[in-house]
C-alpha atoms as a PDB file:
ATOM      1  CA  UNK A   1       0.000   0.000   0.000  1.00  0.00           C
ATOM      2  CA  UNK A   2       2.706   2.487   1.024  1.00  0.00           C
ATOM      3  CA  UNK A   3       5.907   3.153  -0.900  1.00  0.00           C
ATOM      4  CA  UNK A   4       9.138   4.881   0.052  1.00  0.00           C
ATOM      5  CA  UNK A   5       8.083   8.252  -1.346  1.00  0.00           C
ATOM      6  CA  UNK A   6       4.894   8.409   0.716  1.00  0.00           C
ATOM      7  CA  UNK A   7       4.538  10.933   3.508  1.00  0.00           C
ATOM      8  CA  UNK A   8       2.012  10.715   6.337  1.00  0.00           C
ATOM      9  CA  UNK A   9       0.542  13.740   8.075  1.00  0.00           C
ATOM     10  CA  UNK A  10       0.649  13.248  11.841  1.00  0.00           C
ATOM     11  CA  UNK A  11      -2.014  15.402  13.474  1.00  0.00           C
ATOM     12  CA  UNK A  12      -3.838  13.056  15.855  1.00  0.00           C
ATOM     13  CA  UNK A  13      -2.803  12.954  19.541  1.00  0.00           C
ATOM     14  CA  UNK A  14      -0.525  10.106  20.595  1.00  0.00           C
ATOM     15  CA  UNK A  15      -2.616   9.458  23.724  1.00  0.00           C
ATOM     16  CA  UNK A  16      -5.283   8.071  21.394  1.00  0.00           C
ATOM     17  CA  UNK A  17      -4.621   4.645  19.851  1.00  0.00           C
ATOM     18  CA  UNK A  18      -5.483   5.836  16.328  1.00  0.00           C
ATOM     19  CA  UNK A  19      -2.874   8.592  16.428  1.00  0.00           C
ATOM     20  CA  UNK A  20      -0.312   6.434  18.221  1.00  0.00           C
ATOM     21  CA  UNK A  21      -0.585   3.641  15.652  1.00  0.00           C
ATOM     22  CA  UNK A  22      -1.141   5.608  12.441  1.00  0.00           C
ATOM     23  CA  UNK A  23       1.093   8.625  12.981  1.00  0.00           C
ATOM     24  CA  UNK A  24       3.856   7.303  15.256  1.00  0.00           C
ATOM     25  CA  UNK A  25       4.237   3.550  14.687  1.00  0.00           C
ATOM     26  CA  UNK A  26       3.199   3.176  11.028  1.00  0.00           C
ATOM     27  CA  UNK A  27       5.829   5.549   9.564  1.00  0.00           C
ATOM     28  CA  UNK A  28       8.568   3.667  11.435  1.00  0.00           C
ATOM     29  CA  UNK A  29       7.345   0.213  10.389  1.00  0.00           C
ATOM     30  CA  UNK A  30       6.638   1.214   6.771  1.00  0.00           C
ATOM     31  CA  UNK A  31       9.822   3.276   6.400  1.00  0.00           C
ATOM     32  CA  UNK A  32       8.048   6.357   5.082  1.00  0.00           C
ATOM     33  CA  UNK A  33       8.240  10.036   5.934  1.00  0.00           C
ATOM     34  CA  UNK A  34       5.954  11.835   8.346  1.00  0.00           C
ATOM     35  CA  UNK A  35       5.084  15.504   8.861  1.00  0.00           C
ATOM     36  CA  UNK A  36       3.803  16.458  12.317  1.00  0.00           C
ATOM     37  CA  UNK A  37       1.558  19.300  13.378  1.00  0.00           C
ATOM     38  CA  UNK A  38       0.401  19.745  17.002  1.00  0.00           C
ATOM     39  CA  UNK A  39      -3.265  20.541  16.355  1.00  0.00           C
ATOM     40  CA  UNK A  40      -5.753  18.867  13.970  1.00  0.00           C
ATOM     41  CA  UNK A  41      -8.045  21.884  14.422  1.00  0.00           C
ATOM     42  CA  UNK A  42      -5.905  24.293  12.385  1.00  0.00           C
ATOM     43  CA  UNK A  43      -7.356  23.522   8.979  1.00  0.00           C
ATOM     44  CA  UNK A  44      -5.552  26.126   6.896  1.00  0.00           C
ATOM     45  CA  UNK A  45      -2.170  25.315   8.440  1.00  0.00           C
ATOM     46  CA  UNK A  46      -2.756  21.636   7.712  1.00  0.00           C
ATOM     47  CA  UNK A  47      -3.661  22.381   4.109  1.00  0.00           C
ATOM     48  CA  UNK A  48      -0.430  24.346   3.753  1.00  0.00           C
ATOM     49  CA  UNK A  49       1.670  21.497   5.200  1.00  0.00           C
ATOM     50  CA  UNK A  50       0.119  18.913   2.868  1.00  0.00           C
ATOM     51  CA  UNK A  51       0.849  21.163  -0.108  1.00  0.00           C
ATOM     52  CA  UNK A  52       4.370  22.167   0.979  1.00  0.00           C
ATOM     53  CA  UNK A  53       5.650  18.667   1.767  1.00  0.00           C
ATOM     54  CA  UNK A  54       3.640  16.668  -0.768  1.00  0.00           C
ATOM     55  CA  UNK A  55       1.885  14.626   1.912  1.00  0.00           C
ATOM     56  CA  UNK A  56       0.253  11.531   0.420  1.00  0.00           C
ATOM     57  CA  UNK A  57      -1.521   9.977   3.428  1.00  0.00           C
ATOM     58  CA  UNK A  58      -3.953  11.818   5.683  1.00  0.00           C
ATOM     59  CA  UNK A  59      -5.216  10.070   8.828  1.00  0.00           C
ATOM     60  CA  UNK A  60      -8.027  11.843  10.645  1.00  0.00           C
ATOM     61  CA  UNK A  61     -11.413  11.569  12.293  1.00  0.00           C
ATOM     62  CA  UNK A  62     -14.666  12.449  10.470  1.00  0.00           C
ATOM     63  CA  UNK A  63     -14.991  15.585  12.607  1.00  0.00           C
ATOM     64  CA  UNK A  64     -11.655  16.928  11.345  1.00  0.00           C
ATOM     65  CA  UNK A  65     -12.313  15.831   7.746  1.00  0.00           C
ATOM     66  CA  UNK A  66     -15.540  17.797   7.844  1.00  0.00           C
ATOM     67  CA  UNK A  67     -13.651  20.925   8.890  1.00  0.00           C
ATOM     68  CA  UNK A  68     -11.068  20.466   6.125  1.00  0.00           C
ATOM     69  CA  UNK A  69     -13.799  20.075   3.502  1.00  0.00           C
ATOM     70  CA  UNK A  70     -15.048  23.536   4.443  1.00  0.00           C
ATOM     71  CA  UNK A  71     -11.782  25.400   5.030  1.00  0.00           C
ATOM     72  CA  UNK A  72      -8.947  23.866   2.988  1.00  0.00           C
ATOM     73  CA  UNK A  73      -8.389  24.895  -0.638  1.00  0.00           C
ATOM     74  CA  UNK A  74      -8.912  21.947  -3.026  1.00  0.00           C
ATOM     75  CA  UNK A  75      -5.447  22.343  -4.560  1.00  0.00           C
ATOM     76  CA  UNK A  76      -3.762  22.035  -1.147  1.00  0.00           C
ATOM     77  CA  UNK A  77      -4.836  18.400  -0.900  1.00  0.00           C
ATOM     78  CA  UNK A  78      -3.834  17.576  -4.467  1.00  0.00           C
ATOM     79  CA  UNK A  79      -0.934  15.300  -3.432  1.00  0.00           C
ATOM     80  CA  UNK A  80      -3.055  12.981  -1.266  1.00  0.00           C
ATOM     81  CA  UNK A  81      -3.268   9.346  -2.372  1.00  0.00           C
ATOM     82  CA  UNK A  82      -5.049   7.955   0.679  1.00  0.00           C
ATOM     83  CA  UNK A  83      -7.347   9.471   3.281  1.00  0.00           C
ATOM     84  CA  UNK A  84      -8.084   7.174   6.223  1.00  0.00           C
ATOM     85  CA  UNK A  85     -10.954   7.901   8.594  1.00  0.00           C
ATOM     86  CA  UNK A  86     -11.524   6.299  11.966  1.00  0.00           C
ATOM     87  CA  UNK A  87     -12.257   6.778  15.680  1.00  0.00           C
ATOM     88  CA  UNK A  88     -15.980   7.366  14.988  1.00  0.00           C
ATOM     89  CA  UNK A  89     -18.536   6.502  12.332  1.00  0.00           C
ATOM     90  CA  UNK A  90     -17.987   8.344   9.041  1.00  0.00           C
ATOM     91  CA  UNK A  91     -21.340   9.882   8.005  1.00  0.00           C
ATOM     92  CA  UNK A  92     -22.079   9.632   4.302  1.00  0.00           C
ATOM     93  CA  UNK A  93     -22.701  13.392   4.130  1.00  0.00           C
ATOM     94  CA  UNK A  94     -19.119  14.085   5.260  1.00  0.00           C
ATOM     95  CA  UNK A  95     -17.607  11.474   2.938  1.00  0.00           C
ATOM     96  CA  UNK A  96     -19.461  12.964  -0.038  1.00  0.00           C
ATOM     97  CA  UNK A  97     -18.573  16.554   0.876  1.00  0.00           C
ATOM     98  CA  UNK A  98     -14.885  15.619   1.152  1.00  0.00           C
ATOM     99  CA  UNK A  99     -14.935  13.675  -2.115  1.00  0.00           C
ATOM    100  CA  UNK A 100     -16.747  16.462  -3.968  1.00  0.00           C
ATOM    101  CA  UNK A 101     -14.207  19.055  -2.820  1.00  0.00           C
ATOM    102  CA  UNK A 102     -10.946  17.149  -3.149  1.00  0.00           C
ATOM    103  CA  UNK A 103     -11.727  14.346  -5.601  1.00  0.00           C
ATOM    104  CA  UNK A 104     -10.689  11.606  -3.196  1.00  0.00           C
ATOM    105  CA  UNK A 105     -12.995   9.563  -0.994  1.00  0.00           C
ATOM    106  CA  UNK A 106     -11.981   8.795   2.617  1.00  0.00           C
ATOM    107  CA  UNK A 107     -11.527   5.080   3.339  1.00  0.00           C
ATOM    108  CA  UNK A 108     -13.171   4.225   6.629  1.00  0.00           C
ATOM    109  CA  UNK A 109     -11.665   1.786   9.094  1.00  0.00           C
ATOM    110  CA  UNK A 110     -12.583   0.594  12.560  1.00  0.00           C
ATOM    111  CA  UNK A 111     -10.749  -0.321  15.699  1.00  0.00           C
ATOM    112  CA  UNK A 112     -10.465   0.003  19.451  1.00  0.00           C
ATOM    113  CA  UNK A 113      -7.625   0.169  21.939  1.00  0.00           C
ATOM    114  CA  UNK A 114      -8.418  -3.354  23.175  1.00  0.00           C
ATOM    115  CA  UNK A 115      -7.694  -4.696  19.663  1.00  0.00           C
ATOM    116  CA  UNK A 116      -4.258  -3.092  19.225  1.00  0.00           C
ATOM    117  CA  UNK A 117      -6.176  -1.132  17.722  1.00  0.00           C
ATOM    118  CA  UNK A 118      -7.304  -2.032  14.158  1.00  0.00           C
ATOM    119  CA  UNK A 119     -10.122  -4.507  13.469  1.00  0.00           C
ATOM    120  CA  UNK A 120     -11.103  -3.747   9.871  1.00  0.00           C
ATOM    121  CA  UNK A 121     -10.443  -1.285   7.065  1.00  0.00           C
ATOM    122  CA  UNK A 122     -11.480  -0.492   3.522  1.00  0.00           C
ATOM    123  CA  UNK A 123      -8.649  -0.974   1.044  1.00  0.00           C
ATOM    124  CA  UNK A 124      -7.894  -0.378  -2.631  1.00  0.00           C
ATOM    125  CA  UNK A 125      -9.605  -2.938  -4.853  1.00  0.00           C
ATOM    126  CA  UNK A 126      -7.744  -5.308  -7.167  1.00  0.00           C
ATOM    127  CA  UNK A 127      -8.368  -5.423 -10.921  1.00  0.00           C
ATOM    128  CA  UNK A 128      -6.935  -7.741 -13.553  1.00  0.00           C
ATOM    129  CA  UNK A 129      -8.028  -9.322 -16.839  1.00  0.00           C
ATOM    130  CA  UNK A 130     -11.439 -10.950 -16.295  1.00  0.00           C
ATOM    131  CA  UNK A 131     -11.212 -10.324 -12.554  1.00  0.00           C
ATOM    132  CA  UNK A 132     -12.147  -7.681 -10.003  1.00  0.00           C
ATOM    133  CA  UNK A 133     -12.057  -7.855  -6.230  1.00  0.00           C
ATOM    134  CA  UNK A 134     -13.630  -4.981  -4.322  1.00  0.00           C
ATOM    135  CA  UNK A 135     -11.545  -3.733  -1.426  1.00  0.00           C
ATOM    136  CA  UNK A 136     -14.023  -1.107  -0.272  1.00  0.00           C
ATOM    137  CA  UNK A 137     -17.750  -0.505  -0.085  1.00  0.00           C
ATOM    138  CA  UNK A 138     -19.466   2.809   0.616  1.00  0.00           C
ATOM    139  CA  UNK A 139     -20.846   3.088   4.125  1.00  0.00           C
ATOM    140  CA  UNK A 140     -18.837   0.136   5.429  1.00  0.00           C
ATOM    141  CA  UNK A 141     -15.746  -0.205   7.612  1.00  0.00           C
ATOM    142  CA  UNK A 142     -14.302  -2.802   5.262  1.00  0.00           C
ATOM    143  CA  UNK A 143     -13.249  -6.404   5.861  1.00  0.00           C
ATOM    144  CA  UNK A 144     -11.624  -7.727   9.047  1.00  0.00           C
ATOM    145  CA  UNK A 145      -7.836  -7.801   9.051  1.00  0.00           C
ATOM    146  CA  UNK A 146      -6.183 -11.135   8.160  1.00  0.00           C
ATOM    147  CA  UNK A 147      -6.370 -13.469  11.145  1.00  0.00           C
ATOM    148  CA  UNK A 148      -9.341 -11.708  12.707  1.00  0.00           C
ATOM    149  CA  UNK A 149     -12.875 -13.056  12.980  1.00  0.00           C
ATOM    150  CA  UNK A 150     -16.085 -11.164  13.640  1.00  0.00           C
ATOM    151  CA  UNK A 151     -19.459 -12.309  14.890  1.00  0.00           C
ATOM    152  CA  UNK A 152     -22.798 -10.476  15.054  1.00  0.00           C
ATOM    153  CA  UNK A 153     -25.065 -11.560  17.915  1.00  0.00           C
ATOM    154  CA  UNK A 154     -28.311 -10.497  19.529  1.00  0.00           C
ATOM    155  CA  UNK A 155     -27.355  -8.018  22.312  1.00  0.00           C
ATOM    156  CA  UNK A 156     -29.597  -9.777  24.839  1.00  0.00           C
ATOM    157  CA  UNK A 157     -29.545 -13.495  23.938  1.00  0.00           C
ATOM    158  CA  UNK A 158     -26.031 -13.540  22.395  1.00  0.00           C
ATOM    159  CA  UNK A 159     -27.343 -15.784  19.614  1.00  0.00           C
ATOM    160  CA  UNK A 160     -25.632 -15.358  16.193  1.00  0.00           C
ATOM    161  CA  UNK A 161     -27.580 -13.288  13.665  1.00  0.00           C
ATOM    162  CA  UNK A 162     -27.828 -13.783   9.873  1.00  0.00           C
ATOM    163  CA  UNK A 163     -26.183 -11.482   7.278  1.00  0.00           C
ATOM    164  CA  UNK A 164     -27.435  -7.884   7.052  1.00  0.00           C
ATOM    165  CA  UNK A 165     -29.164  -8.032  10.453  1.00  0.00           C
ATOM    166  CA  UNK A 166     -27.700  -5.563  12.980  1.00  0.00           C
ATOM    167  CA  UNK A 167     -26.516  -6.832  16.324  1.00  0.00           C
ATOM    168  CA  UNK A 168     -23.679  -6.613  18.817  1.00  0.00           C
ATOM    169  CA  UNK A 169     -20.244  -6.843  17.180  1.00  0.00           C
ATOM    170  CA  UNK A 170     -17.832  -9.386  18.680  1.00  0.00           C
ATOM    171  CA  UNK A 171     -14.250  -9.802  17.477  1.00  0.00           C
ATOM    172  CA  UNK A 172     -11.565 -12.424  17.997  1.00  0.00           C
ATOM    173  CA  UNK A 173      -7.946 -12.621  16.907  1.00  0.00           C
ATOM    174  CA  UNK A 174      -4.287 -12.474  17.955  1.00  0.00           C
ATOM    175  CA  UNK A 175      -4.399  -8.706  18.430  1.00  0.00           C
ATOM    176  CA  UNK A 176      -7.182  -8.786  21.036  1.00  0.00           C
ATOM    177  CA  UNK A 177      -5.936  -7.885  24.512  1.00  0.00           C
ATOM    178  CA  UNK A 178      -5.533 -10.417  27.300  1.00  0.00           C
ATOM    179  CA  UNK A 179      -7.378  -8.160  29.725  1.00  0.00           C
ATOM    180  CA  UNK A 180      -7.390  -4.895  31.653  1.00  0.00           C
ATOM    181  CA  UNK A 181      -4.471  -4.544  34.063  1.00  0.00           C
ATOM    182  CA  UNK A 182      -5.558  -5.366  37.624  1.00  0.00           C
ATOM    183  CA  UNK A 183      -9.243  -5.181  36.637  1.00  0.00           C
ATOM    184  CA  UNK A 184     -10.411  -8.799  36.384  1.00  0.00           C
ATOM    185  CA  UNK A 185     -14.105  -7.977  36.826  1.00  0.00           C
ATOM    186  CA  UNK A 186     -14.033  -5.468  33.976  1.00  0.00           C
ATOM    187  CA  UNK A 187     -12.131  -7.987  31.841  1.00  0.00           C
ATOM    188  CA  UNK A 188     -14.750 -10.706  32.296  1.00  0.00           C
ATOM    189  CA  UNK A 189     -17.442  -8.240  31.218  1.00  0.00           C
ATOM    190  CA  UNK A 190     -15.949  -7.743  27.741  1.00  0.00           C
ATOM    191  CA  UNK A 191     -14.004 -10.974  27.081  1.00  0.00           C
ATOM    192  CA  UNK A 192     -16.323 -13.963  26.815  1.00  0.00           C
ATOM    193  CA  UNK A 193     -15.155 -17.323  25.442  1.00  0.00           C
ATOM    194  CA  UNK A 194     -12.328 -15.664  23.539  1.00  0.00           C
ATOM    195  CA  UNK A 195     -14.538 -12.988  21.967  1.00  0.00           C
ATOM    196  CA  UNK A 196     -14.214  -9.276  22.717  1.00  0.00           C
ATOM    197  CA  UNK A 197     -17.537  -7.460  23.000  1.00  0.00           C
ATOM    198  CA  UNK A 198     -17.002  -4.106  21.294  1.00  0.00           C
ATOM    199  CA  UNK A 199     -20.210  -2.387  22.402  1.00  0.00           C
ATOM    200  CA  UNK A 200     -20.928  -1.439  18.778  1.00  0.00           C
ATOM    201  CA  UNK A 201     -24.005  -2.401  16.790  1.00  0.00           C
ATOM    202  CA  UNK A 202     -23.075  -3.652  13.320  1.00  0.00           C
ATOM    203  CA  UNK A 203     -24.112  -5.893  10.449  1.00  0.00           C
ATOM    204  CA  UNK A 204     -22.085  -8.005   8.009  1.00  0.00           C
ATOM    205  CA  UNK A 205     -23.326  -8.194   4.423  1.00  0.00           C
ATOM    206  CA  UNK A 206     -23.140 -11.103   1.991  1.00  0.00           C
ATOM    207  CA  UNK A 207     -19.717  -9.915   0.743  1.00  0.00           C
ATOM    208  CA  UNK A 208     -18.211  -9.802   4.231  1.00  0.00           C
ATOM    209  CA  UNK A 209     -18.198  -6.005   4.576  1.00  0.00           C
ATOM    210  CA  UNK A 210     -19.026  -4.708   8.037  1.00  0.00           C
ATOM    211  CA  UNK A 211     -21.324  -1.748   8.637  1.00  0.00           C
ATOM    212  CA  UNK A 212     -21.436   0.006  11.988  1.00  0.00           C
ATOM    213  CA  UNK A 213     -24.928   1.308  12.674  1.00  0.00           C
ATOM    214  CA  UNK A 214     -24.607   2.661  16.220  1.00  0.00           C
ATOM    215  CA  UNK A 215     -23.023   2.358  19.629  1.00  0.00           C
ATOM    216  CA  UNK A 216     -24.935   0.234  22.133  1.00  0.00           C
ATOM    217  CA  UNK A 217     -24.398   3.125  24.561  1.00  0.00           C
ATOM    218  CA  UNK A 218     -26.004   5.483  22.018  1.00  0.00           C
ATOM    219  CA  UNK A 219     -29.418   3.874  22.210  1.00  0.00           C
ATOM    220  CA  UNK A 220     -32.313   4.955  24.385  1.00  0.00           C
ATOM    221  CA  UNK A 221     -34.941   2.529  25.611  1.00  0.00           C
ATOM    222  CA  UNK A 222     -38.230   4.358  25.099  1.00  0.00           C
ATOM    223  CA  UNK A 223     -41.489   2.555  25.755  1.00  0.00           C
ATOM    224  CA  UNK A 224     -39.638  -0.765  25.560  1.00  0.00           C
ATOM    225  CA  UNK A 225     -38.098   0.000  22.126  1.00  0.00           C
ATOM    226  CA  UNK A 226     -34.401   0.586  21.448  1.00  0.00           C
ATOM    227  CA  UNK A 227     -34.096   3.981  19.722  1.00  0.00           C
ATOM    228  CA  UNK A 228     -30.763   4.702  17.927  1.00  0.00           C
ATOM    229  CA  UNK A 229     -29.305   8.179  18.398  1.00  0.00           C
ATOM    230  CA  UNK A 230     -27.095   8.140  15.300  1.00  0.00           C
ATOM    231  CA  UNK A 231     -30.027   7.333  12.993  1.00  0.00           C
ATOM    232  CA  UNK A 232     -31.878  10.362  14.357  1.00  0.00           C
ATOM    233  CA  UNK A 233     -28.804  12.578  13.929  1.00  0.00           C
ATOM    234  CA  UNK A 234     -28.383  11.456  10.328  1.00  0.00           C
ATOM    235  CA  UNK A 235     -32.024  12.219   9.519  1.00  0.00           C
ATOM    236  CA  UNK A 236     -31.854  15.674  11.157  1.00  0.00           C
ATOM    237  CA  UNK A 237     -28.760  16.590   9.129  1.00  0.00           C
ATOM    238  CA  UNK A 238     -30.482  15.349   5.987  1.00  0.00           C
ATOM    239  CA  UNK A 239     -33.527  17.525   6.694  1.00  0.00           C
ATOM    240  CA  UNK A 240     -31.289  20.530   7.394  1.00  0.00           C
ATOM    241  CA  UNK A 241     -29.290  19.820   4.199  1.00  0.00           C
ATOM    242  CA  UNK A 242     -26.144  20.204   6.276  1.00  0.00           C
ATOM    243  CA  UNK A 243     -22.767  18.492   5.942  1.00  0.00           C
ATOM    244  CA  UNK A 244     -21.503  20.127   9.138  1.00  0.00           C
ATOM    245  CA  UNK A 245     -22.232  18.479  12.514  1.00  0.00           C
ATOM    246  CA  UNK A 246     -25.048  20.661  13.837  1.00  0.00           C
ATOM    247  CA  UNK A 247     -27.093  18.126  15.802  1.00  0.00           C
ATOM    248  CA  UNK A 248     -26.163  15.772  18.623  1.00  0.00           C
ATOM    249  CA  UNK A 249     -28.697  13.409  20.163  1.00  0.00           C
ATOM    250  CA  UNK A 250     -28.740  12.304  23.780  1.00  0.00           C
ATOM    251  CA  UNK A 251     -31.429  11.400  26.308  1.00  0.00           C
ATOM    252  CA  UNK A 252     -32.716  12.121  29.799  1.00  0.00           C
ATOM    253  CA  UNK A 253     -34.785   9.938  32.144  1.00  0.00           C
ATOM    254  CA  UNK A 254     -38.554   9.916  31.752  1.00  0.00           C
ATOM    255  CA  UNK A 255     -40.947   8.629  34.429  1.00  0.00           C
ATOM    256  CA  UNK A 256     -43.474   7.178  31.992  1.00  0.00           C
ATOM    257  CA  UNK A 257     -41.430   5.937  28.990  1.00  0.00           C
ATOM    258  CA  UNK A 258     -38.049   5.288  30.591  1.00  0.00           C
ATOM    259  CA  UNK A 259     -36.146   7.877  28.556  1.00  0.00           C
ATOM    260  CA  UNK A 260     -36.847  10.789  26.239  1.00  0.00           C
ATOM    261  CA  UNK A 261     -34.793  12.090  23.327  1.00  0.00           C
ATOM    262  CA  UNK A 262     -33.032  15.475  23.628  1.00  0.00           C
ATOM    263  CA  UNK A 263     -31.291  17.152  20.680  1.00  0.00           C
ATOM    264  CA  UNK A 264     -28.521  19.708  21.114  1.00  0.00           C
ATOM    265  CA  UNK A 265     -28.060  21.898  18.055  1.00  0.00           C
ATOM    266  CA  UNK A 266     -26.275  24.990  16.722  1.00  0.00           C
ATOM    267  CA  UNK A 267     -28.882  26.135  14.181  1.00  0.00           C
ATOM    268  CA  UNK A 268     -30.571  29.564  14.179  1.00  0.00           C
ATOM    269  CA  UNK A 269     -34.202  29.335  15.281  1.00  0.00           C
ATOM    270  CA  UNK A 270     -35.734  29.950  11.858  1.00  0.00           C
ATOM    271  CA  UNK A 271     -33.781  27.104  10.273  1.00  0.00           C
ATOM    272  CA  UNK A 272     -34.546  24.792  13.198  1.00  0.00           C
ATOM    273  CA  UNK A 273     -38.268  25.508  12.791  1.00  0.00           C
ATOM    274  CA  UNK A 274     -38.041  24.301   9.187  1.00  0.00           C
ATOM    275  CA  UNK A 275     -36.371  21.054  10.265  1.00  0.00           C
ATOM    276  CA  UNK A 276     -38.932  20.391  13.000  1.00  0.00           C
ATOM    277  CA  UNK A 277     -41.795  20.922  10.525  1.00  0.00           C
ATOM    278  CA  UNK A 278     -40.311  18.294   8.211  1.00  0.00           C
ATOM    279  CA  UNK A 279     -39.969  15.647  10.968  1.00  0.00           C
ATOM    280  CA  UNK A 280     -43.553  14.459  10.574  1.00  0.00           C
ATOM    281  CA  UNK A 281     -42.899  13.475   6.948  1.00  0.00           C
ATOM    282  CA  UNK A 282     -39.315  12.315   7.494  1.00  0.00           C
ATOM    283  CA  UNK A 283     -40.000   8.607   7.665  1.00  0.00           C
ATOM    284  CA  UNK A 284     -38.725   8.323  11.237  1.00  0.00           C
ATOM    285  CA  UNK A 285     -40.943   6.147  13.455  1.00  0.00           C
ATOM    286  CA  UNK A 286     -43.090   8.293  15.778  1.00  0.00           C
ATOM    287  CA  UNK A 287     -41.224   7.053  18.852  1.00  0.00           C
ATOM    288  CA  UNK A 288     -37.923   8.231  17.339  1.00  0.00           C
ATOM    289  CA  UNK A 289     -39.053  11.780  16.573  1.00  0.00           C
ATOM    290  CA  UNK A 290     -37.794  14.365  19.074  1.00  0.00           C
ATOM    291  CA  UNK A 291     -40.445  16.689  20.459  1.00  0.00           C
ATOM    292  CA  UNK A 292     -40.207  20.297  19.313  1.00  0.00           C
ATOM    293  CA  UNK A 293     -39.596  21.442  22.901  1.00  0.00           C
ATOM    294  CA  UNK A 294     -36.697  19.005  23.339  1.00  0.00           C
ATOM    295  CA  UNK A 295     -34.271  20.857  21.072  1.00  0.00           C
ATOM    296  CA  UNK A 296     -31.576  22.784  22.980  1.00  0.00           C
ATOM    297  CA  UNK A 297     -29.500  25.495  21.311  1.00  0.00           C
ATOM    298  CA  UNK A 298     -25.779  25.605  22.191  1.00  0.00           C
ATOM    299  CA  UNK A 299     -23.056  27.846  20.825  1.00  0.00           C
ATOM    300  CA  UNK A 300     -20.894  24.815  20.002  1.00  0.00           C
ATOM    301  CA  UNK A 301     -21.211  21.060  20.403  1.00  0.00           C
ATOM    302  CA  UNK A 302     -18.753  19.596  22.927  1.00  0.00           C
ATOM    303  CA  UNK A 303     -15.849  17.523  21.594  1.00  0.00           C
ATOM    304  CA  UNK A 304     -13.040  15.511  23.146  1.00  0.00           C
ATOM    305  CA  UNK A 305      -9.390  16.031  22.198  1.00  0.00           C
ATOM    306  CA  UNK A 306      -9.644  12.978  19.922  1.00  0.00           C
ATOM    307  CA  UNK A 307     -12.263  14.695  17.759  1.00  0.00           C
ATOM    308  CA  UNK A 308     -15.175  12.596  19.046  1.00  0.00           C
ATOM    309  CA  UNK A 309     -18.348  14.078  20.471  1.00  0.00           C
ATOM    310  CA  UNK A 310     -18.152  14.355  24.253  1.00  0.00           C
ATOM    311  CA  UNK A 311     -21.151  12.150  25.054  1.00  0.00           C
ATOM    312  CA  UNK A 312     -20.896  12.676  28.804  1.00  0.00           C
ATOM    313  CA  UNK A 313     -20.924  16.437  28.393  1.00  0.00           C
ATOM    314  CA  UNK A 314     -23.888  16.161  25.999  1.00  0.00           C
ATOM    315  CA  UNK A 315     -25.913  14.292  28.586  1.00  0.00           C
ATOM    316  CA  UNK A 316     -24.907  16.730  31.341  1.00  0.00           C
ATOM    317  CA  UNK A 317     -26.100  19.662  29.218  1.00  0.00           C
ATOM    318  CA  UNK A 318     -29.398  17.919  28.574  1.00  0.00           C
ATOM    319  CA  UNK A 319     -29.898  17.043  32.234  1.00  0.00           C
ATOM    320  CA  UNK A 320     -29.263  20.613  33.353  1.00  0.00           C
ATOM    321  CA  UNK A 321     -31.844  21.870  30.849  1.00  0.00           C
ATOM    322  CA  UNK A 322     -34.664  19.414  31.509  1.00  0.00           C
ATOM    323  CA  UNK A 323     -36.013  17.954  34.738  1.00  0.00           C
ATOM    324  CA  UNK A 324     -36.577  14.212  34.528  1.00  0.00           C
ATOM    325  CA  UNK A 325     -40.112  13.428  33.539  1.00  0.00           C
ATOM    326  CA  UNK A 326     -40.950  16.983  32.427  1.00  0.00           C
END
């Protein structure tokens, strides 16, 4: 995949496994150059570095890729051969916006610290006379790495599920950790019969490509039904015709239904009113639709240093705004 003339842009923090592996370890192992910059938030500076040094590999999170698609000049990313996205689900709206602006589509991968950290990745396909093997599929996180196995099971019964049916993603392989240091109880919670329980909801299609649909922790149980936050976020962005992250879904306790959906947003009121009006015809099940009075305006959505949404801060903001059961 990489050749001696390749250069990687190192912008992700080393305290995160994605940055540690992709920007620190990979250049050493592959014998390629690397250009470092201390902050992934400085879009224009990053565009200048890619252009100046002829960087060919960009490794980033969807949050940062979204910022670059809005602030970096298309010609500054002209040297890129590969753009790898990870650490969180890559929304199709961000992938398309990036591809439209720079002419290169991000290849999404998936991993976690407990798996050292890569589990799967989209790759470049192979073509030859009378033969084609797809290495990537839109909306997927690719195939498992060689030597790794994945299993999709019902989150409650742990029974295996058929292709294309979402369930809890389990992984097994030589790169899975032996356990958490001095935390045997926590270890037994996530390592069961040699399988690591990722906490992600995914499906595997008939070609072996994996699709992440949500985090198990990003579901709310409302009236006995599991309601996925990411699906609601995707629909809200579609209704707002926005490629930028302007909605974040969380929940607060509810005395009658168990939980209720709360949406934090950065839209002006007039644009939000248009989105709320469209919800009734959006195709979302009634139980999934946020109430008009459960949208909370914030100046900016909270993010962690890794570029992921700060889910704990989201919930805290929602809890301070609404009283449980109101």
